[in-house]
Amino acid sequence: MNPANPLNTVYFMQLPKDFVFSGTDFIIDANIPLPVQKKDDEEKPEARNLSQEQILSGILTVLAYDKNNENSEYYRTLISKVRPGIKKELAEAAILKTKNEDWDFAEEIWLSLHGLEPEDKAIILNMALFYDQKADYLRSHALYEDADAYDDAAFNYYRDAMDSEPEMPDAFFNAAFFNLKKHNYADAKGNFESYLALTSDAKDEELGENGQYKRERAQEMIDKISNRNLENEHFHLAYSLISSGQEEKGLEEIKKFLQDNPTVWNAWFMLGWGLRRLNRFEDAVQAFEKARECEGGDENADTLNELAICLMETGRLDQAQECLIEALGIDPDSTKIISNLGCLFLKRGNKEEAKKYFETVLELDPEDKIAKAQLEAL
């Protein structure tokens, strides 16, 4: 997902037998070349000028990006002996960078950590969660192909995490929400059921407050999927068709679902989504309003945001603004909702107010391309 090859910044060097890592008695194997991270604009360094950090950084780069390196096990042993707390350091750094949305740096650290402990299922689950979050971030910025690539990576890591022995309940719980996001409701339900089965013998005090919440949440989602018949083939096929650009076929499928399930807000939302993609804005407005009338439909910021877009396209700016303000009350940090408010004020001819909203977007996300483009145009 990162087009540059990080291995191009690494040299392999054979160090003399008397090379010593400070603070340790580790004896290097002089026959095995060690990866060395070059400094910026640096020619190949001489062994006597190497810093210990350059070697450790080079090893982490190789472990991250060259999974089949024949000396990987030796490199793992070396770095673990020289820096015993490296695993904890990397995990803390990766979590912090992810929290700060420093995605590229966070990915490098997670890959290094995985390379250091490739069989650690907890790290694998964290990798899945990272790629899942990165995909959501990219999709919120309309980078759909990149988001799909990260979703594919997340799926593979979730699958690996669920295949652990002993089994990890949290892997199934988090994979369930990933499948909900992908509208794979049958798989999500199965994941939630597995989570409940794996935690069924645990007492409340063993689970703790968070574990009790997860168990209640899992049962709640199973009930919703069952009660709304979201495992239905027509529903799943409709999403697949619409998301792949076959809107007309997808609309046929979701209409078949609605014939037997007229009170499911998710289905009316999908109908509106497909219609909006076909620029049938008036019909989409009716579908989204129908979604809001159904149980649960008026609690979703996305429904209000999509409705607002269609209302703007049909000239009902006051109604669109009301929807966006209400959506922002549900999800106050949503850059797409704030950006749409900026677009709405542009339609009103109020450039100063629009500018404030786009600037707010960039405060939350300095890399938002839509906001940047709008401000440049203004």
Protein backbone atom coordinates (compact mmCIF):
# COMPACT_ATOMS: atom_id res chain seq x y z
CA MET A 1 0.00 0.00 0.00
CA ASN A 2 3.07 2.17 0.33
CA PRO A 3 4.53 2.36 -3.23
CA ALA A 4 8.12 3.07 -2.08
CA ASN A 5 10.21 0.05 -1.17
CA PRO A 6 11.65 0.61 2.33
CA LEU A 7 14.26 -2.09 1.72
CA ASN A 8 15.99 0.33 -0.67
CA THR A 9 17.12 2.31 2.37
CA VAL A 10 18.97 -0.67 3.88
CA TYR A 11 22.53 -1.82 3.32
CA PHE A 12 23.78 -5.29 4.25
CA MET A 13 27.21 -5.34 5.86
CA GLN A 14 29.43 -7.96 7.46
CA LEU A 15 30.78 -6.60 10.70
CA PRO A 16 34.07 -7.61 12.32
CA LYS A 17 34.00 -10.28 15.03
CA ASP A 18 34.99 -7.78 17.68
CA PHE A 19 31.96 -5.56 17.05
CA VAL A 20 30.16 -5.14 20.38
CA PHE A 21 26.65 -3.94 21.15
CA SER A 22 26.84 -1.69 24.18
CA GLY A 23 25.38 -3.05 27.39
CA THR A 24 25.24 -6.67 26.23
CA ASP A 25 27.51 -9.67 25.90
CA PHE A 26 25.89 -10.75 22.62
CA ILE A 27 28.50 -12.10 20.21
CA ILE A 28 27.69 -11.50 16.57
CA ASP A 29 28.10 -14.06 13.82
CA ALA A 30 30.55 -12.31 11.51
CA ASN A 31 29.48 -14.54 8.61
CA ILE A 32 25.93 -13.19 8.57
CA PRO A 33 25.55 -9.71 7.04
CA LEU A 34 23.54 -7.29 9.14
CA PRO A 35 21.05 -4.83 7.67
CA VAL A 36 21.96 -1.21 8.30
CA GLN A 37 19.55 1.69 7.92
CA LYS A 38 21.31 4.43 6.00
CA LYS A 39 20.98 8.02 7.07
CA ASP A 40 19.56 10.66 4.72
CA ASP A 41 21.82 11.33 1.71
CA GLU A 42 24.42 8.95 3.11
CA GLU A 43 26.70 6.78 1.01
CA LYS A 44 27.37 3.26 2.23
CA PRO A 45 28.80 3.75 5.72
CA GLU A 46 31.98 2.24 7.08
CA ALA A 47 31.63 -0.30 9.88
CA ARG A 48 33.58 1.83 12.35
CA ASN A 49 31.14 4.72 11.88
CA LEU A 50 27.96 2.71 12.44
CA SER A 51 25.65 3.48 15.30
CA GLN A 52 23.88 0.71 17.15
CA GLU A 53 20.53 2.33 16.27
CA GLN A 54 21.24 2.10 12.54
CA ILE A 55 21.65 -1.66 12.84
CA LEU A 56 18.56 -2.16 14.99
CA SER A 57 16.51 0.03 12.65
CA GLY A 58 17.80 -1.90 9.65
CA ILE A 59 16.84 -5.20 11.29
CA LEU A 60 13.32 -3.94 11.98
CA THR A 61 12.97 -2.83 8.37
CA VAL A 62 13.98 -6.26 7.10
CA LEU A 63 11.67 -8.04 9.55
CA ALA A 64 8.83 -5.79 8.41
CA TYR A 65 9.27 -5.97 4.65
CA ASP A 66 11.32 -9.07 3.85
CA LYS A 67 9.34 -11.88 5.45
CA ASN A 68 11.31 -14.60 3.65
CA ASN A 69 14.78 -13.40 4.56
CA GLU A 70 16.87 -16.47 5.36
CA ASN A 71 18.46 -14.78 8.39
CA SER A 72 15.25 -13.53 9.97
CA GLU A 73 15.47 -15.82 13.01
CA TYR A 74 19.02 -14.66 13.73
CA TYR A 75 17.92 -11.03 13.44
CA ARG A 76 15.05 -11.64 15.88
CA THR A 77 17.41 -13.21 18.39
CA LEU A 78 19.91 -10.39 18.05
CA ILE A 79 17.46 -7.53 18.51
CA SER A 80 15.71 -9.26 21.42
CA LYS A 81 19.02 -9.73 23.22
CA VAL A 82 20.31 -6.23 22.51
CA ARG A 83 16.99 -4.47 23.24
CA PRO A 84 14.96 -6.76 25.56
CA GLY A 85 12.06 -4.31 25.85
CA ILE A 86 11.72 -3.71 22.11
CA LYS A 87 8.36 -5.47 21.79
CA LYS A 88 6.73 -3.26 24.44
CA GLU A 89 8.35 -0.13 22.98
CA LEU A 90 7.07 -0.88 19.49
CA ALA A 91 3.55 -1.73 20.65
CA GLU A 92 3.24 1.52 22.61
CA ALA A 93 4.61 3.55 19.71
CA ALA A 94 2.30 1.86 17.18
CA ILE A 95 -0.78 2.49 19.34
CA LEU A 96 0.19 6.15 19.83
CA LYS A 97 0.84 6.73 16.12
CA THR A 98 -2.45 5.04 15.22
CA LYS A 99 -4.31 7.19 17.73
CA ASN A 100 -2.71 10.30 16.20
CA GLU A 101 -3.61 9.07 12.69
CA ASP A 102 0.05 9.03 11.64
CA TRP A 103 -0.92 6.13 9.42
CA ASP A 104 2.26 5.50 7.43
CA PHE A 105 4.56 5.55 10.44
CA ALA A 106 2.10 3.44 12.43
CA GLU A 107 1.98 0.86 9.65
CA GLU A 108 5.76 0.58 9.57
CA ILE A 109 5.85 -0.03 13.31
CA TRP A 110 3.05 -2.62 13.23
CA LEU A 111 4.79 -4.46 10.39
CA SER A 112 8.07 -4.43 12.32
CA LEU A 113 6.32 -5.75 15.42
CA HIS A 114 4.66 -8.50 13.41
CA GLY A 115 8.00 -9.37 11.82
CA LEU A 116 9.56 -9.56 15.27
CA GLU A 117 6.83 -11.86 16.66
CA PRO A 118 5.10 -13.41 13.62
CA GLU A 119 3.25 -16.05 15.66
CA ASP A 120 1.86 -13.68 18.28
CA LYS A 121 -1.90 -13.74 17.67
CA ALA A 122 -2.50 -10.63 19.79
CA ILE A 123 -0.24 -8.68 17.44
CA ILE A 124 -2.07 -10.17 14.46
CA LEU A 125 -5.40 -9.01 15.88
CA ASN A 126 -3.98 -5.53 16.41
CA MET A 127 -2.80 -5.55 12.79
CA ALA A 128 -6.35 -6.37 11.71
CA LEU A 129 -7.75 -3.54 13.82
CA PHE A 130 -5.17 -1.12 12.41
CA TYR A 131 -5.94 -1.95 8.78
CA ASP A 132 -9.67 -1.81 9.56
CA GLN A 133 -9.28 1.72 10.99
CA LYS A 134 -7.06 2.85 8.12
CA ALA A 135 -9.63 1.62 5.60
CA ASP A 136 -12.37 3.62 7.34
CA TYR A 137 -10.17 6.71 7.29
CA LEU A 138 -9.44 6.36 3.58
CA ARG A 139 -13.07 5.68 2.71
CA SER A 140 -14.16 8.79 4.60
CA HIS A 141 -11.85 10.72 2.27
CA ALA A 142 -13.33 9.11 -0.85
CA LEU A 143 -10.16 7.03 -1.48
CA TYR A 144 -12.21 3.95 -2.18
CA GLU A 145 -9.68 1.75 -3.98
CA ASP A 146 -7.07 2.25 -1.27
CA ALA A 147 -9.73 1.62 1.39
CA ASP A 148 -10.69 -1.66 -0.28
CA ALA A 149 -7.04 -2.74 -0.30
CA TYR A 150 -6.73 -2.08 3.43
CA ASP A 151 -10.02 -3.87 4.05
CA ASP A 152 -8.61 -6.91 2.24
CA ALA A 153 -5.56 -6.81 4.50
CA ALA A 154 -7.75 -6.45 7.59
CA PHE A 155 -9.85 -9.43 6.50
CA ASN A 156 -6.76 -11.64 6.16
CA TYR A 157 -5.45 -10.64 9.59
CA TYR A 158 -8.87 -11.17 11.21
CA ARG A 159 -9.06 -14.61 9.66
CA ASP A 160 -5.58 -15.42 10.98
CA ALA A 161 -6.46 -14.11 14.46
CA MET A 162 -9.64 -16.23 14.60
CA ASP A 163 -7.56 -19.28 13.73
CA SER A 164 -5.48 -18.99 16.91
CA GLU A 165 -5.04 -21.74 19.48
CA PRO A 166 -6.29 -21.20 22.11
CA GLU A 167 -9.06 -19.17 20.53
CA MET A 168 -9.27 -15.44 21.24
CA PRO A 169 -12.84 -14.24 21.85
CA ASP A 170 -11.95 -10.64 20.97
CA ALA A 171 -10.86 -11.72 17.49
CA PHE A 172 -14.41 -12.89 16.78
CA PHE A 173 -15.99 -9.83 18.40
CA ASN A 174 -13.96 -7.37 16.32
CA ALA A 175 -14.27 -9.43 13.14
CA ALA A 176 -18.04 -9.30 13.60
CA PHE A 177 -18.05 -5.51 13.44
CA PHE A 178 -15.75 -5.63 10.41
CA ASN A 179 -18.29 -7.87 8.69
CA LEU A 180 -21.11 -5.55 9.71
CA LYS A 181 -19.27 -2.72 8.00
CA LYS A 182 -18.98 -4.86 4.86
CA HIS A 183 -22.69 -5.78 5.13
CA ASN A 184 -21.75 -9.45 5.51
CA TYR A 185 -24.49 -9.96 8.09
CA ALA A 186 -24.47 -13.76 8.08
CA ASP A 187 -20.74 -13.82 8.82
CA ALA A 188 -21.13 -11.09 11.44
CA LYS A 189 -23.85 -13.05 13.20
CA GLY A 190 -21.67 -16.16 13.17
CA ASN A 191 -18.76 -14.18 14.64
CA PHE A 192 -20.94 -12.79 17.43
CA GLU A 193 -22.29 -16.28 18.18
CA SER A 194 -18.73 -17.61 18.38
CA TYR A 195 -17.81 -14.81 20.78
CA LEU A 196 -20.75 -15.67 23.03
CA ALA A 197 -19.91 -19.38 22.91
CA LEU A 198 -16.26 -18.73 23.84
CA THR A 199 -17.22 -16.51 26.79
CA SER A 200 -20.27 -18.50 27.96
CA ASP A 201 -18.45 -20.15 30.87
CA ALA A 202 -16.84 -16.94 32.12
CA LYS A 203 -18.37 -15.31 35.18
CA ASP A 204 -19.15 -11.60 35.22
CA GLU A 205 -16.25 -10.81 37.56
CA GLU A 206 -13.87 -12.63 35.21
CA LEU A 207 -15.11 -10.70 32.19
CA GLY A 208 -15.07 -7.34 33.92
CA GLU A 209 -17.20 -4.39 32.93
CA ASN A 210 -15.86 -4.27 29.37
CA GLY A 211 -16.37 -7.99 28.82
CA GLN A 212 -19.93 -7.83 30.13
CA TYR A 213 -20.65 -4.95 27.76
CA LYS A 214 -19.25 -6.92 24.82
CA ARG A 215 -21.40 -9.93 25.66
CA GLU A 216 -24.54 -7.78 25.85
CA ARG A 217 -23.57 -5.98 22.64
CA ALA A 218 -22.99 -9.26 20.79
CA GLN A 219 -26.43 -10.57 21.77
CA GLU A 220 -28.01 -7.24 20.82
CA MET A 221 -26.47 -7.37 17.33
CA ILE A 222 -27.47 -11.01 16.82
CA ASP A 223 -31.06 -10.09 17.67
CA LYS A 224 -31.03 -7.12 15.28
CA ILE A 225 -29.65 -9.18 12.41
CA SER A 226 -32.23 -11.89 13.01
CA ASN A 227 -35.20 -9.58 13.58
CA ARG A 228 -34.43 -7.52 10.48
CA ASN A 229 -33.70 -10.60 8.37
CA LEU A 230 -30.38 -9.08 7.29
CA GLU A 231 -28.94 -12.50 6.47
CA ASN A 232 -31.33 -12.56 3.52
CA GLU A 233 -29.66 -13.28 0.17
CA HIS A 234 -31.42 -10.38 -1.60
CA PHE A 235 -30.07 -7.89 0.94
CA HIS A 236 -26.47 -9.10 0.69
CA LEU A 237 -26.60 -9.29 -3.11
CA ALA A 238 -28.07 -5.78 -3.33
CA TYR A 239 -25.12 -4.33 -1.43
CA SER A 240 -22.59 -6.22 -3.53
CA LEU A 241 -24.18 -5.06 -6.78
CA ILE A 242 -24.60 -1.40 -5.81
CA SER A 243 -21.10 -1.10 -4.36
CA SER A 244 -19.62 -2.60 -7.55
CA GLY A 245 -21.40 -0.10 -9.82
CA GLN A 246 -24.34 -2.29 -10.86
CA GLU A 247 -26.92 -0.02 -9.27
CA GLU A 248 -29.92 -1.01 -11.39
CA LYS A 249 -29.52 -4.69 -10.58
CA GLY A 250 -28.87 -3.87 -6.94
CA LEU A 251 -32.08 -1.84 -6.74
CA GLU A 252 -34.04 -4.80 -8.08
CA GLU A 253 -32.64 -7.00 -5.29
CA ILE A 254 -33.29 -4.55 -2.46
CA LYS A 255 -36.86 -4.02 -3.69
CA LYS A 256 -37.40 -7.77 -3.51
CA PHE A 257 -36.15 -7.69 0.08
CA LEU A 258 -38.42 -4.77 0.98
CA GLN A 259 -41.51 -6.62 -0.24
CA ASP A 260 -41.19 -8.98 2.73
CA ASN A 261 -39.31 -6.64 5.10
CA PRO A 262 -40.87 -3.16 4.75
CA THR A 263 -39.86 -1.94 8.22
CA VAL A 264 -36.09 -2.49 7.98
CA TRP A 265 -34.37 0.90 7.88
CA ASN A 266 -31.13 -0.58 6.51
CA ALA A 267 -32.98 -1.68 3.37
CA TRP A 268 -34.55 1.74 2.76
CA PHE A 269 -31.12 3.29 3.31
CA MET A 270 -29.63 0.95 0.70
CA LEU A 271 -32.42 1.80 -1.72
CA GLY A 272 -31.73 5.51 -1.22
CA TRP A 273 -28.00 4.96 -1.59
CA GLY A 274 -28.44 3.19 -4.93
CA LEU A 275 -30.84 5.86 -6.19
CA ARG A 276 -28.50 8.66 -5.13
CA ARG A 277 -25.64 7.03 -7.04
CA LEU A 278 -27.88 7.11 -10.13
CA ASN A 279 -28.61 10.82 -9.52
CA ARG A 280 -32.26 10.03 -8.89
CA PHE A 281 -32.25 12.47 -6.01
CA GLU A 282 -35.99 12.97 -5.53
CA ASP A 283 -36.59 9.21 -5.32
CA ALA A 284 -33.61 8.90 -2.98
CA VAL A 285 -35.06 11.56 -0.66
CA GLN A 286 -38.23 9.49 -0.31
CA ALA A 287 -36.21 6.34 0.45
CA PHE A 288 -34.05 8.02 3.10
CA GLU A 289 -37.10 9.60 4.73
CA LYS A 290 -38.69 6.15 4.82
CA ALA A 291 -35.53 4.84 6.51
CA ARG A 292 -35.89 7.51 9.19
CA GLU A 293 -39.45 6.38 9.91
CA CYS A 294 -38.30 2.84 10.70
CA GLU A 295 -36.96 1.77 14.08
CA GLY A 296 -33.27 2.69 14.39
CA GLY A 297 -33.15 4.66 11.15
CA ASP A 298 -33.27 8.07 12.78
CA GLU A 299 -30.31 7.29 15.03
CA ASN A 300 -27.85 7.02 12.15
CA ALA A 301 -25.77 10.03 11.08
CA ASP A 302 -25.15 8.51 7.65
CA THR A 303 -28.88 8.45 6.88
CA LEU A 304 -29.18 12.14 7.70
CA ASN A 305 -26.02 12.99 5.76
CA GLU A 306 -27.17 11.12 2.65
CA LEU A 307 -30.62 12.69 2.89
CA ALA A 308 -29.03 16.14 3.16
CA ILE A 309 -26.98 15.56 0.00
CA CYS A 310 -30.11 14.68 -1.94
CA LEU A 311 -32.04 17.61 -0.49
CA MET A 312 -29.25 19.95 -1.58
CA GLU A 313 -29.40 18.52 -5.09
CA THR A 314 -33.13 19.18 -5.23
CA GLY A 315 -32.78 22.75 -3.96
CA ARG A 316 -34.17 22.27 -0.44
CA LEU A 317 -31.29 23.92 1.35
CA ASP A 318 -33.08 24.71 4.62
CA GLN A 319 -34.09 21.09 5.09
CA ALA A 320 -30.62 19.92 4.10
CA GLN A 321 -29.06 22.20 6.71
CA GLU A 322 -31.39 20.88 9.42
CA CYS A 323 -30.39 17.31 8.55
CA LEU A 324 -26.68 18.09 8.60
CA ILE A 325 -26.89 19.88 11.96
CA GLU A 326 -28.79 16.91 13.38
CA ALA A 327 -26.25 14.49 11.90
CA LEU A 328 -23.42 16.52 13.43
CA GLY A 329 -25.12 16.17 16.81
CA ILE A 330 -24.85 12.39 16.44
CA ASP A 331 -21.31 12.37 15.02
CA PRO A 332 -19.63 15.71 15.87
CA ASP A 333 -16.20 14.78 14.48
CA SER A 334 -17.40 13.60 11.06
CA THR A 335 -15.38 15.51 8.49
CA LYS A 336 -17.73 14.48 5.68
CA ILE A 337 -20.72 16.05 7.47
CA ILE A 338 -18.76 19.24 8.23
CA SER A 339 -17.53 19.34 4.64
CA ASN A 340 -21.10 18.98 3.37
CA LEU A 341 -22.09 21.96 5.53
CA GLY A 342 -19.36 23.90 3.76
CA CYS A 343 -20.77 22.82 0.40
CA LEU A 344 -24.25 23.84 1.51
CA PHE A 345 -23.13 27.37 2.37
CA LEU A 346 -21.35 27.57 -0.98
CA LYS A 347 -24.69 26.81 -2.61
CA ARG A 348 -26.18 29.62 -0.53
CA GLY A 349 -23.46 31.95 -1.80
CA ASN A 350 -22.04 32.45 1.70
CA LYS A 351 -18.36 31.91 1.01
CA GLU A 352 -17.13 33.15 4.38
CA GLU A 353 -19.28 30.67 6.29
CA ALA A 354 -18.33 27.88 3.89
CA LYS A 355 -14.65 28.68 4.44
CA LYS A 356 -15.06 28.24 8.22
CA TYR A 357 -16.43 24.73 7.76
CA PHE A 358 -13.67 23.68 5.36
CA GLU A 359 -11.05 25.09 7.75
CA THR A 360 -12.63 23.07 10.56
CA VAL A 361 -12.29 19.95 8.42
CA LEU A 362 -8.58 20.63 7.96
CA GLU A 363 -8.14 21.18 11.69
CA LEU A 364 -9.53 17.68 12.23
CA ASP A 365 -7.76 16.20 9.23
CA PRO A 366 -4.97 18.27 7.61
CA GLU A 367 -4.84 15.84 4.65
CA ASP A 368 -8.50 16.17 3.60
CA LYS A 369 -8.27 16.68 -0.17
CA ILE A 370 -11.83 17.94 -0.67
CA ALA A 371 -11.49 20.68 1.94
CA LYS A 372 -8.09 21.69 0.58
CA ALA A 373 -9.47 21.95 -2.95
CA GLN A 374 -12.48 23.97 -1.84
CA LEU A 375 -10.34 26.42 0.13
CA GLU A 376 -7.96 26.84 -2.80
CA ALA A 377 -10.94 27.56 -5.05
CA LEU A 378 -12.27 30.09 -2.57
